Amino acid sequence: FGMVPKMAVLVASIPQFVLGGAGLVMFGMVLATGIRILSRINYST
């Protein structure tokens, strides 16, 4: 793709609000992974 300038323009034309819908899913997964690890930590003792 790096050697096809037309593809670079096409990919760059994807609106950011389109990426935002997908980003909320992917970024939320990272956050959920961290919360899952923290949920296994011992806080009582």
ModelCIF file with pLDDT and N, C-alpha, C, O atoms, coordinates in Angstrom:
data_MODEL
#
_entry.id   MODEL 
#
_entity.id                         1 
_entity.type                       polymer 
_entity.pdbx_number_of_molecules   1 
#
_entity_poly.entity_id                      1 
_entity_poly.type                           'polypeptide(L)' 
_entity_poly.nstd_linkage                   no 
_entity_poly.nstd_monomer                   no 
_entity_poly.pdbx_seq_one_letter_code       FGMVPKMAVLVASIPQFVLGGAGLVMFGMVLATGIRILSRINYST 
_entity_poly.pdbx_seq_one_letter_code_can   FGMVPKMAVLVASIPQFVLGGAGLVMFGMVLATGIRILSRINYST 
_entity_poly.pdbx_strand_id                 A 
#
loop_
_entity_poly_seq.entity_id 
_entity_poly_seq.num 
_entity_poly_seq.mon_id 
_entity_poly_seq.hetero 
1 1  PHE n 
1 2  GLY n 
1 3  MET n 
1 4  VAL n 
1 5  PRO n 
1 6  LYS n 
1 7  MET n 
1 8  ALA n 
1 9  VAL n 
1 10 LEU n 
1 11 VAL n 
1 12 ALA n 
1 13 SER n 
1 14 ILE n 
1 15 PRO n 
1 16 GLN n 
1 17 PHE n 
1 18 VAL n 
1 19 LEU n 
1 20 GLY n 
1 21 GLY n 
1 22 ALA n 
1 23 GLY n 
1 24 LEU n 
1 25 VAL n 
1 26 MET n 
1 27 PHE n 
1 28 GLY n 
1 29 MET n 
1 30 VAL n 
1 31 LEU n 
1 32 ALA n 
1 33 THR n 
1 34 GLY n 
1 35 ILE n 
1 36 ARG n 
1 37 ILE n 
1 38 LEU n 
1 39 SER n 
1 40 ARG n 
1 41 ILE n 
1 42 ASN n 
1 43 TYR n 
1 44 SER n 
1 45 THR n 
#
_struct_asym.id          A 
_struct_asym.entity_id   1 
#
loop_
_ma_qa_metric.id 
_ma_qa_metric.mode 
_ma_qa_metric.name 
_ma_qa_metric.software_group_id 
_ma_qa_metric.type 
1 global pLDDT . pLDDT 
2 local  pLDDT . pLDDT 
#
_ma_qa_metric_global.metric_id      1 
_ma_qa_metric_global.metric_value   86.33 
_ma_qa_metric_global.model_id       1 
_ma_qa_metric_global.ordinal_id     1 
#
loop_
_ma_qa_metric_local.label_asym_id 
_ma_qa_metric_local.label_comp_id 
_ma_qa_metric_local.label_seq_id 
_ma_qa_metric_local.metric_id 
_ma_qa_metric_local.metric_value 
_ma_qa_metric_local.model_id 
_ma_qa_metric_local.ordinal_id 
A PHE 1  2 84.00 1 1  
A GLY 2  2 83.00 1 2  
A MET 3  2 87.00 1 3  
A VAL 4  2 87.00 1 4  
A PRO 5  2 87.00 1 5  
A LYS 6  2 88.00 1 6  
A MET 7  2 86.00 1 7  
A ALA 8  2 83.00 1 8  
A VAL 9  2 86.00 1 9  
A LEU 10 2 85.00 1 10 
A VAL 11 2 85.00 1 11 
A ALA 12 2 85.00 1 12 
A SER 13 2 87.00 1 13 
A ILE 14 2 89.00 1 14 
A PRO 15 2 90.00 1 15 
A GLN 16 2 90.00 1 16 
A PHE 17 2 90.00 1 17 
A VAL 18 2 92.00 1 18 
A LEU 19 2 90.00 1 19 
A GLY 20 2 90.00 1 20 
A GLY 21 2 88.00 1 21 
A ALA 22 2 87.00 1 22 
A GLY 23 2 86.00 1 23 
A LEU 24 2 86.00 1 24 
A VAL 25 2 83.00 1 25 
A MET 26 2 82.00 1 26 
A PHE 27 2 84.00 1 27 
A GLY 28 2 85.00 1 28 
A MET 29 2 82.00 1 29 
A VAL 30 2 83.00 1 30 
A LEU 31 2 87.00 1 31 
A ALA 32 2 85.00 1 32 
A THR 33 2 82.00 1 33 
A GLY 34 2 86.00 1 34 
A ILE 35 2 89.00 1 35 
A ARG 36 2 85.00 1 36 
A ILE 37 2 85.00 1 37 
A LEU 38 2 90.00 1 38 
A SER 39 2 89.00 1 39 
A ARG 40 2 86.00 1 40 
A ILE 41 2 89.00 1 41 
A ASN 42 2 86.00 1 42 
A TYR 43 2 87.00 1 43 
A SER 44 2 85.00 1 44 
A THR 45 2 84.00 1 45 
#
loop_
_atom_site.group_PDB 
_atom_site.id 
_atom_site.type_symbol 
_atom_site.label_atom_id 
_atom_site.label_alt_id 
_atom_site.label_comp_id 
_atom_site.label_asym_id 
_atom_site.label_entity_id 
_atom_site.label_seq_id 
_atom_site.pdbx_PDB_ins_code 
_atom_site.Cartn_x 
_atom_site.Cartn_y 
_atom_site.Cartn_z 
_atom_site.occupancy 
_atom_site.B_iso_or_equiv 
_atom_site.pdbx_formal_charge 
_atom_site.auth_seq_id 
_atom_site.auth_comp_id 
_atom_site.auth_asym_id 
_atom_site.auth_atom_id 
_atom_site.pdbx_PDB_model_num 
ATOM 1   N N  . PHE A 1 1  ? 0.825   -1.209  0.000  1.00 84.00 ? 1  PHE A N  1 
ATOM 2   C CA . PHE A 1 1  ? 0.000   0.000   0.000  1.00 84.00 ? 1  PHE A CA 1 
ATOM 3   C C  . PHE A 1 1  ? 0.863   1.264   0.000  1.00 84.00 ? 1  PHE A C  1 
ATOM 4   O O  . PHE A 1 1  ? 0.483   2.279   -0.583 1.00 84.00 ? 1  PHE A O  1 
ATOM 5   N N  . GLY A 1 2  ? 2.025   1.197   0.656  1.00 83.00 ? 2  GLY A N  1 
ATOM 6   C CA . GLY A 1 2  ? 2.911   2.357   0.699  1.00 83.00 ? 2  GLY A CA 1 
ATOM 7   C C  . GLY A 1 2  ? 3.439   2.758   -0.663 1.00 83.00 ? 2  GLY A C  1 
ATOM 8   O O  . GLY A 1 2  ? 3.876   3.892   -0.863 1.00 83.00 ? 2  GLY A O  1 
ATOM 9   N N  . MET A 1 3  ? 3.396   1.825   -1.597 1.00 87.00 ? 3  MET A N  1 
ATOM 10  C CA . MET A 1 3  ? 3.847   2.125   -2.964 1.00 87.00 ? 3  MET A CA 1 
ATOM 11  C C  . MET A 1 3  ? 2.687   2.447   -3.897 1.00 87.00 ? 3  MET A C  1 
ATOM 12  O O  . MET A 1 3  ? 2.880   2.569   -5.107 1.00 87.00 ? 3  MET A O  1 
ATOM 13  N N  . VAL A 1 4  ? 1.473   2.588   -3.340 1.00 87.00 ? 4  VAL A N  1 
ATOM 14  C CA . VAL A 1 4  ? 0.288   2.946   -4.124 1.00 87.00 ? 4  VAL A CA 1 
ATOM 15  C C  . VAL A 1 4  ? -0.306  4.225   -3.541 1.00 87.00 ? 4  VAL A C  1 
ATOM 16  O O  . VAL A 1 4  ? -1.145  4.161   -2.642 1.00 87.00 ? 4  VAL A O  1 
ATOM 17  N N  . PRO A 1 5  ? 0.116   5.380   -4.040 1.00 87.00 ? 5  PRO A N  1 
ATOM 18  C CA . PRO A 1 5  ? -0.366  6.651   -3.479 1.00 87.00 ? 5  PRO A CA 1 
ATOM 19  C C  . PRO A 1 5  ? -1.889  6.789   -3.466 1.00 87.00 ? 5  PRO A C  1 
ATOM 20  O O  . PRO A 1 5  ? -2.439  7.409   -2.554 1.00 87.00 ? 5  PRO A O  1 
ATOM 21  N N  . LYS A 1 6  ? -2.571  6.231   -4.446 1.00 88.00 ? 6  LYS A N  1 
ATOM 22  C CA . LYS A 1 6  ? -4.040  6.336   -4.466 1.00 88.00 ? 6  LYS A CA 1 
ATOM 23  C C  . LYS A 1 6  ? -4.639  5.651   -3.232 1.00 88.00 ? 6  LYS A C  1 
ATOM 24  O O  . LYS A 1 6  ? -5.619  6.131   -2.662 1.00 88.00 ? 6  LYS A O  1 
ATOM 25  N N  . MET A 1 7  ? -4.047  4.539   -2.833 1.00 86.00 ? 7  MET A N  1 
ATOM 26  C CA . MET A 1 7  ? -4.539  3.843   -1.647 1.00 86.00 ? 7  MET A CA 1 
ATOM 27  C C  . MET A 1 7  ? -4.312  4.691   -0.399 1.00 86.00 ? 7  MET A C  1 
ATOM 28  O O  . MET A 1 7  ? -5.151  4.717   0.501  1.00 86.00 ? 7  MET A O  1 
ATOM 29  N N  . ALA A 1 8  ? -3.168  5.388   -0.349 1.00 83.00 ? 8  ALA A N  1 
ATOM 30  C CA . ALA A 1 8  ? -2.879  6.248   0.804  1.00 83.00 ? 8  ALA A CA 1 
ATOM 31  C C  . ALA A 1 8  ? -3.933  7.347   0.926  1.00 83.00 ? 8  ALA A C  1 
ATOM 32  O O  . ALA A 1 8  ? -4.407  7.641   2.023  1.00 83.00 ? 8  ALA A O  1 
ATOM 33  N N  . VAL A 1 9  ? -4.299  7.957   -0.214 1.00 86.00 ? 9  VAL A N  1 
ATOM 34  C CA . VAL A 1 9  ? -5.325  9.011   -0.189 1.00 86.00 ? 9  VAL A CA 1 
ATOM 35  C C  . VAL A 1 9  ? -6.672  8.435   0.227  1.00 86.00 ? 9  VAL A C  1 
ATOM 36  O O  . VAL A 1 9  ? -7.412  9.068   0.979  1.00 86.00 ? 9  VAL A O  1 
ATOM 37  N N  . LEU A 1 10 ? -6.996  7.229   -0.260 1.00 85.00 ? 10 LEU A N  1 
ATOM 38  C CA . LEU A 1 10 ? -8.275  6.606   0.058  1.00 85.00 ? 10 LEU A CA 1 
ATOM 39  C C  . LEU A 1 10 ? -8.378  6.291   1.549  1.00 85.00 ? 10 LEU A C  1 
ATOM 40  O O  . LEU A 1 10 ? -9.404  6.561   2.173  1.00 85.00 ? 10 LEU A O  1 
ATOM 41  N N  . VAL A 1 11 ? -7.313  5.719   2.120  1.00 85.00 ? 11 VAL A N  1 
ATOM 42  C CA . VAL A 1 11 ? -7.317  5.395   3.550  1.00 85.00 ? 11 VAL A CA 1 
ATOM 43  C C  . VAL A 1 11 ? -7.388  6.664   4.387  1.00 85.00 ? 11 VAL A C  1 
ATOM 44  O O  . VAL A 1 11 ? -8.100  6.715   5.390  1.00 85.00 ? 11 VAL A O  1 
ATOM 45  N N  . ALA A 1 12 ? -6.646  7.689   3.973  1.00 85.00 ? 12 ALA A N  1 
ATOM 46  C CA . ALA A 1 12 ? -6.644  8.952   4.720  1.00 85.00 ? 12 ALA A CA 1 
ATOM 47  C C  . ALA A 1 12 ? -7.997  9.648   4.661  1.00 85.00 ? 12 ALA A C  1 
ATOM 48  O O  . ALA A 1 12 ? -8.293  10.499  5.500  1.00 85.00 ? 12 ALA A O  1 
ATOM 49  N N  . SER A 1 13 ? -8.823  9.294   3.673  1.00 87.00 ? 13 SER A N  1 
ATOM 50  C CA . SER A 1 13 ? -10.123 9.956   3.529  1.00 87.00 ? 13 SER A CA 1 
ATOM 51  C C  . SER A 1 13 ? -11.189 9.355   4.440  1.00 87.00 ? 13 SER A C  1 
ATOM 52  O O  . SER A 1 13 ? -12.301 9.877   4.510  1.00 87.00 ? 13 SER A O  1 
ATOM 53  N N  . ILE A 1 14 ? -10.867 8.261   5.142  1.00 89.00 ? 14 ILE A N  1 
ATOM 54  C CA . ILE A 1 14 ? -11.846 7.679   6.074  1.00 89.00 ? 14 ILE A CA 1 
ATOM 55  C C  . ILE A 1 14 ? -12.104 8.688   7.188  1.00 89.00 ? 14 ILE A C  1 
ATOM 56  O O  . ILE A 1 14 ? -11.168 9.066   7.892  1.00 89.00 ? 14 ILE A O  1 
ATOM 57  N N  . PRO A 1 15 ? -13.321 9.126   7.364  1.00 90.00 ? 15 PRO A N  1 
ATOM 58  C CA . PRO A 1 15 ? -13.604 10.133  8.400  1.00 90.00 ? 15 PRO A CA 1 
ATOM 59  C C  . PRO A 1 15 ? -13.249 9.622   9.794  1.00 90.00 ? 15 PRO A C  1 
ATOM 60  O O  . PRO A 1 15 ? -13.386 8.436   10.092 1.00 90.00 ? 15 PRO A O  1 
ATOM 61  N N  . GLN A 1 16 ? -12.799 10.528  10.623 1.00 90.00 ? 16 GLN A N  1 
ATOM 62  C CA . GLN A 1 16 ? -12.408 10.123  11.970 1.00 90.00 ? 16 GLN A CA 1 
ATOM 63  C C  . GLN A 1 16 ? -13.592 9.637   12.793 1.00 90.00 ? 16 GLN A C  1 
ATOM 64  O O  . GLN A 1 16 ? -13.421 8.793   13.674 1.00 90.00 ? 16 GLN A O  1 
ATOM 65  N N  . PHE A 1 17 ? -14.792 10.151  12.525 1.00 90.00 ? 17 PHE A N  1 
ATOM 66  C CA . PHE A 1 17 ? -15.932 9.700   13.317 1.00 90.00 ? 17 PHE A CA 1 
ATOM 67  C C  . PHE A 1 17 ? -16.297 8.251   12.975 1.00 90.00 ? 17 PHE A C  1 
ATOM 68  O O  . PHE A 1 17 ? -16.924 7.566   13.782 1.00 90.00 ? 17 PHE A O  1 
ATOM 69  N N  . VAL A 1 18 ? -15.911 7.784   11.791 1.00 92.00 ? 18 VAL A N  1 
ATOM 70  C CA . VAL A 1 18 ? -16.082 6.364   11.466 1.00 92.00 ? 18 VAL A CA 1 
ATOM 71  C C  . VAL A 1 18 ? -15.123 5.524   12.311 1.00 92.00 ? 18 VAL A C  1 
ATOM 72  O O  . VAL A 1 18 ? -15.500 4.491   12.864 1.00 92.00 ? 18 VAL A O  1 
ATOM 73  N N  . LEU A 1 19 ? -13.885 5.987   12.395 1.00 90.00 ? 19 LEU A N  1 
ATOM 74  C CA . LEU A 1 19 ? -12.902 5.282   13.224 1.00 90.00 ? 19 LEU A CA 1 
ATOM 75  C C  . LEU A 1 19 ? -13.285 5.331   14.701 1.00 90.00 ? 19 LEU A C  1 
ATOM 76  O O  . LEU A 1 19 ? -12.946 4.429   15.466 1.00 90.00 ? 19 LEU A O  1 
ATOM 77  N N  . GLY A 1 20 ? -13.988 6.382   15.094 1.00 90.00 ? 20 GLY A N  1 
ATOM 78  C CA . GLY A 1 20 ? -14.374 6.519   16.491 1.00 90.00 ? 20 GLY A CA 1 
ATOM 79  C C  . GLY A 1 20 ? -15.278 5.397   16.953 1.00 90.00 ? 20 GLY A C  1 
ATOM 80  O O  . GLY A 1 20 ? -15.128 4.905   18.072 1.00 90.00 ? 20 GLY A O  1 
ATOM 81  N N  . GLY A 1 21 ? -16.219 4.979   16.108 1.00 88.00 ? 21 GLY A N  1 
ATOM 82  C CA . GLY A 1 21 ? -17.107 3.886   16.483 1.00 88.00 ? 21 GLY A CA 1 
ATOM 83  C C  . GLY A 1 21 ? -16.347 2.598   16.731 1.00 88.00 ? 21 GLY A C  1 
ATOM 84  O O  . GLY A 1 21 ? -16.643 1.863   17.672 1.00 88.00 ? 21 GLY A O  1 
ATOM 85  N N  . ALA A 1 22 ? -15.348 2.324   15.868 1.00 87.00 ? 22 ALA A N  1 
ATOM 86  C CA . ALA A 1 22 ? -14.518 1.129   16.049 1.00 87.00 ? 22 ALA A CA 1 
ATOM 87  C C  . ALA A 1 22 ? -13.559 1.315   17.214 1.00 87.00 ? 22 ALA A C  1 
ATOM 88  O O  . ALA A 1 22 ? -13.264 0.364   17.938 1.00 87.00 ? 22 ALA A O  1 
ATOM 89  N N  . GLY A 1 23 ? -13.069 2.549   17.396 1.00 86.00 ? 23 GLY A N  1 
ATOM 90  C CA . GLY A 1 23 ? -12.104 2.813   18.464 1.00 86.00 ? 23 GLY A CA 1 
ATOM 91  C C  . GLY A 1 23 ? -12.676 2.589   19.841 1.00 86.00 ? 23 GLY A C  1 
ATOM 92  O O  . GLY A 1 23 ? -11.977 2.116   20.737 1.00 86.00 ? 23 GLY A O  1 
ATOM 93  N N  . LEU A 1 24 ? -13.951 2.924   20.022 1.00 86.00 ? 24 LEU A N  1 
ATOM 94  C CA . LEU A 1 24 ? -14.566 2.724   21.332 1.00 86.00 ? 24 LEU A CA 1 
ATOM 95  C C  . LEU A 1 24 ? -14.585 1.250   21.717 1.00 86.00 ? 24 LEU A C  1 
ATOM 96  O O  . LEU A 1 24 ? -14.457 0.906   22.892 1.00 86.00 ? 24 LEU A O  1 
ATOM 97  N N  . VAL A 1 25 ? -14.746 0.381   20.719 1.00 83.00 ? 25 VAL A N  1 
ATOM 98  C CA . VAL A 1 25 ? -14.724 -1.050  20.989 1.00 83.00 ? 25 VAL A CA 1 
ATOM 99  C C  . VAL A 1 25 ? -13.315 -1.499  21.364 1.00 83.00 ? 25 VAL A C  1 
ATOM 100 O O  . VAL A 1 25 ? -13.110 -2.147  22.391 1.00 83.00 ? 25 VAL A O  1 
ATOM 101 N N  . MET A 1 26 ? -12.338 -1.143  20.509 1.00 82.00 ? 26 MET A N  1 
ATOM 102 C CA . MET A 1 26 ? -10.969 -1.630  20.704 1.00 82.00 ? 26 MET A CA 1 
ATOM 103 C C  . MET A 1 26 ? -10.330 -1.047  21.952 1.00 82.00 ? 26 MET A C  1 
ATOM 104 O O  . MET A 1 26 ? -9.690  -1.769  22.717 1.00 82.00 ? 26 MET A O  1 
ATOM 105 N N  . PHE A 1 27 ? -10.498 0.258   22.166 1.00 84.00 ? 27 PHE A N  1 
ATOM 106 C CA . PHE A 1 27 ? -9.875  0.895   23.318 1.00 84.00 ? 27 PHE A CA 1 
ATOM 107 C C  . PHE A 1 27 ? -10.522 0.417   24.610 1.00 84.00 ? 27 PHE A C  1 
ATOM 108 O O  . PHE A 1 27 ? -9.857  0.251   25.632 1.00 84.00 ? 27 PHE A O  1 
ATOM 109 N N  . GLY A 1 28 ? -11.830 0.199   24.544 1.00 85.00 ? 28 GLY A N  1 
ATOM 110 C CA . GLY A 1 28 ? -12.521 -0.314  25.716 1.00 85.00 ? 28 GLY A CA 1 
ATOM 111 C C  . GLY A 1 28 ? -12.037 -1.693  26.113 1.00 85.00 ? 28 GLY A C  1 
ATOM 112 O O  . GLY A 1 28 ? -12.022 -2.030  27.296 1.00 85.00 ? 28 GLY A O  1 
ATOM 113 N N  . MET A 1 29 ? -11.637 -2.502  25.123 1.00 82.00 ? 29 MET A N  1 
ATOM 114 C CA . MET A 1 29 ? -11.114 -3.838  25.418 1.00 82.00 ? 29 MET A CA 1 
ATOM 115 C C  . MET A 1 29 ? -9.813  -3.761  26.208 1.00 82.00 ? 29 MET A C  1 
ATOM 116 O O  . MET A 1 29 ? -9.591  -4.554  27.123 1.00 82.00 ? 29 MET A O  1 
ATOM 117 N N  . VAL A 1 30 ? -8.955  -2.809  25.858 1.00 83.00 ? 30 VAL A N  1 
ATOM 118 C CA . VAL A 1 30 ? -7.707  -2.621  26.602 1.00 83.00 ? 30 VAL A CA 1 
ATOM 119 C C  . VAL A 1 30 ? -8.016  -2.228  28.043 1.00 83.00 ? 30 VAL A C  1 
ATOM 120 O O  . VAL A 1 30 ? -7.424  -2.761  28.982 1.00 83.00 ? 30 VAL A O  1 
ATOM 121 N N  . LEU A 1 31 ? -8.939  -1.302  28.208 1.00 87.00 ? 31 LEU A N  1 
ATOM 122 C CA . LEU A 1 31 ? -9.334  -0.865  29.554 1.00 87.00 ? 31 LEU A CA 1 
ATOM 123 C C  . LEU A 1 31 ? -9.921  -2.030  30.350 1.00 87.00 ? 31 LEU A C  1 
ATOM 124 O O  . LEU A 1 31 ? -9.617  -2.198  31.531 1.00 87.00 ? 31 LEU A O  1 
ATOM 125 N N  . ALA A 1 32 ? -10.766 -2.836  29.694 1.00 85.00 ? 32 ALA A N  1 
ATOM 126 C CA . ALA A 1 32 ? -11.375 -3.971  30.381 1.00 85.00 ? 32 ALA A CA 1 
ATOM 127 C C  . ALA A 1 32 ? -10.329 -4.994  30.812 1.00 85.00 ? 32 ALA A C  1 
ATOM 128 O O  . ALA A 1 32 ? -10.469 -5.624  31.861 1.00 85.00 ? 32 ALA A O  1 
ATOM 129 N N  . THR A 1 33 ? -9.274  -5.159  29.999 1.00 82.00 ? 33 THR A N  1 
ATOM 130 C CA . THR A 1 33 ? -8.201  -6.089  30.364 1.00 82.00 ? 33 THR A CA 1 
ATOM 131 C C  . THR A 1 33 ? -7.501  -5.627  31.642 1.00 82.00 ? 33 THR A C  1 
ATOM 132 O O  . THR A 1 33 ? -7.224  -6.435  32.528 1.00 82.00 ? 33 THR A O  1 
ATOM 133 N N  . GLY A 1 34 ? -7.217  -4.328  31.737 1.00 86.00 ? 34 GLY A N  1 
ATOM 134 C CA . GLY A 1 34 ? -6.596  -3.799  32.948 1.00 86.00 ? 34 GLY A CA 1 
ATOM 135 C C  . GLY A 1 34 ? -7.481  -3.968  34.173 1.00 86.00 ? 34 GLY A C  1 
ATOM 136 O O  . GLY A 1 34 ? -7.001  -4.327  35.248 1.00 86.00 ? 34 GLY A O  1 
ATOM 137 N N  . ILE A 1 35 ? -8.771  -3.709  34.008 1.00 89.00 ? 35 ILE A N  1 
ATOM 138 C CA . ILE A 1 35 ? -9.703  -3.864  35.135 1.00 89.00 ? 35 ILE A CA 1 
ATOM 139 C C  . ILE A 1 35 ? -9.773  -5.331  35.569 1.00 89.00 ? 35 ILE A C  1 
ATOM 140 O O  . ILE A 1 35 ? -9.865  -5.629  36.759 1.00 89.00 ? 35 ILE A O  1 
ATOM 141 N N  . ARG A 1 36 ? -9.729  -6.239  34.593 1.00 85.00 ? 36 ARG A N  1 
ATOM 142 C CA . ARG A 1 36 ? -9.777  -7.665  34.919 1.00 85.00 ? 36 ARG A CA 1 
ATOM 143 C C  . ARG A 1 36 ? -8.570  -8.083  35.759 1.00 85.00 ? 36 ARG A C  1 
ATOM 144 O O  . ARG A 1 36 ? -8.701  -8.876  36.691 1.00 85.00 ? 36 ARG A O  1 
ATOM 145 N N  . ILE A 1 37 ? -7.399  -7.548  35.423 1.00 85.00 ? 37 ILE A N  1 
ATOM 146 C CA . ILE A 1 37 ? -6.197  -7.862  36.205 1.00 85.00 ? 37 ILE A CA 1 
ATOM 147 C C  . ILE A 1 37 ? -6.324  -7.290  37.616 1.00 85.00 ? 37 ILE A C  1 
ATOM 148 O O  . ILE A 1 37 ? -6.022  -7.971  38.596 1.00 85.00 ? 37 ILE A O  1 
ATOM 149 N N  . LEU A 1 38 ? -6.771  -6.044  37.715 1.00 90.00 ? 38 LEU A N  1 
ATOM 150 C CA . LEU A 1 38 ? -6.897  -5.398  39.020 1.00 90.00 ? 38 LEU A CA 1 
ATOM 151 C C  . LEU A 1 38 ? -7.958  -6.079  39.893 1.00 90.00 ? 38 LEU A C  1 
ATOM 152 O O  . LEU A 1 38 ? -7.885  -6.024  41.121 1.00 90.00 ? 38 LEU A O  1 
ATOM 153 N N  . SER A 1 39 ? -8.933  -6.714  39.261 1.00 89.00 ? 39 SER A N  1 
ATOM 154 C CA . SER A 1 39 ? -9.979  -7.388  40.037 1.00 89.00 ? 39 SER A CA 1 
ATOM 155 C C  . SER A 1 39 ? -9.453  -8.618  40.765 1.00 89.00 ? 39 SER A C  1 
ATOM 156 O O  . SER A 1 39 ? -10.078 -9.097  41.711 1.00 89.00 ? 39 SER A O  1 
ATOM 157 N N  . ARG A 1 40 ? -8.294  -9.136  40.323 1.00 86.00 ? 40 ARG A N  1 
ATOM 158 C CA . ARG A 1 40 ? -7.731  -10.324 40.958 1.00 86.00 ? 40 ARG A CA 1 
ATOM 159 C C  . ARG A 1 40 ? -6.747  -9.977  42.073 1.00 86.00 ? 40 ARG A C  1 
ATOM 160 O O  . ARG A 1 40 ? -6.200  -10.870 42.721 1.00 86.00 ? 40 ARG A O  1 
ATOM 161 N N  . ILE A 1 41 ? -6.523  -8.690  42.294 1.00 89.00 ? 41 ILE A N  1 
ATOM 162 C CA . ILE A 1 41 ? -5.581  -8.263  43.322 1.00 89.00 ? 41 ILE A CA 1 
ATOM 163 C C  . ILE A 1 41 ? -6.236  -8.373  44.700 1.00 89.00 ? 41 ILE A C  1 
ATOM 164 O O  . ILE A 1 41 ? -7.438  -8.154  44.848 1.00 89.00 ? 41 ILE A O  1 
ATOM 165 N N  . ASN A 1 42 ? -5.434  -8.712  45.696 1.00 86.00 ? 42 ASN A N  1 
ATOM 166 C CA . ASN A 1 42 ? -5.917  -8.832  47.070 1.00 86.00 ? 42 ASN A CA 1 
ATOM 167 C C  . ASN A 1 42 ? -5.957  -7.450  47.728 1.00 86.00 ? 42 ASN A C  1 
ATOM 168 O O  . ASN A 1 42 ? -4.920  -6.826  47.951 1.00 86.00 ? 42 ASN A O  1 
ATOM 169 N N  . TYR A 1 43 ? -7.167  -6.986  48.032 1.00 87.00 ? 43 TYR A N  1 
ATOM 170 C CA . TYR A 1 43 ? -7.326  -5.699  48.696 1.00 87.00 ? 43 TYR A CA 1 
ATOM 171 C C  . TYR A 1 43 ? -7.761  -5.855  50.163 1.00 87.00 ? 43 TYR A C  1 
ATOM 172 O O  . TYR A 1 43 ? -7.660  -4.908  50.942 1.00 87.00 ? 43 TYR A O  1 
ATOM 173 N N  . SER A 1 44 ? -8.238  -7.031  50.534 1.00 85.00 ? 44 SER A N  1 
ATOM 174 C CA . SER A 1 44 ? -8.800  -7.215  51.875 1.00 85.00 ? 44 SER A CA 1 
ATOM 175 C C  . SER A 1 44 ? -7.722  -7.312  52.945 1.00 85.00 ? 44 SER A C  1 
ATOM 176 O O  . SER A 1 44 ? -7.823  -6.666  53.988 1.00 85.00 ? 44 SER A O  1 
ATOM 177 N N  . THR A 1 45 ? -6.683  -8.120  52.695 1.00 84.00 ? 45 THR A N  1 
ATOM 178 C CA . THR A 1 45 ? -5.635  -8.283  53.703 1.00 84.00 ? 45 THR A CA 1 
ATOM 179 C C  . THR A 1 45 ? -4.462  -7.328  53.475 1.00 84.00 ? 45 THR A C  1 
ATOM 180 O O  . THR A 1 45 ? -3.497  -7.341  54.239 1.00 84.00 ? 45 THR A O  1 
#
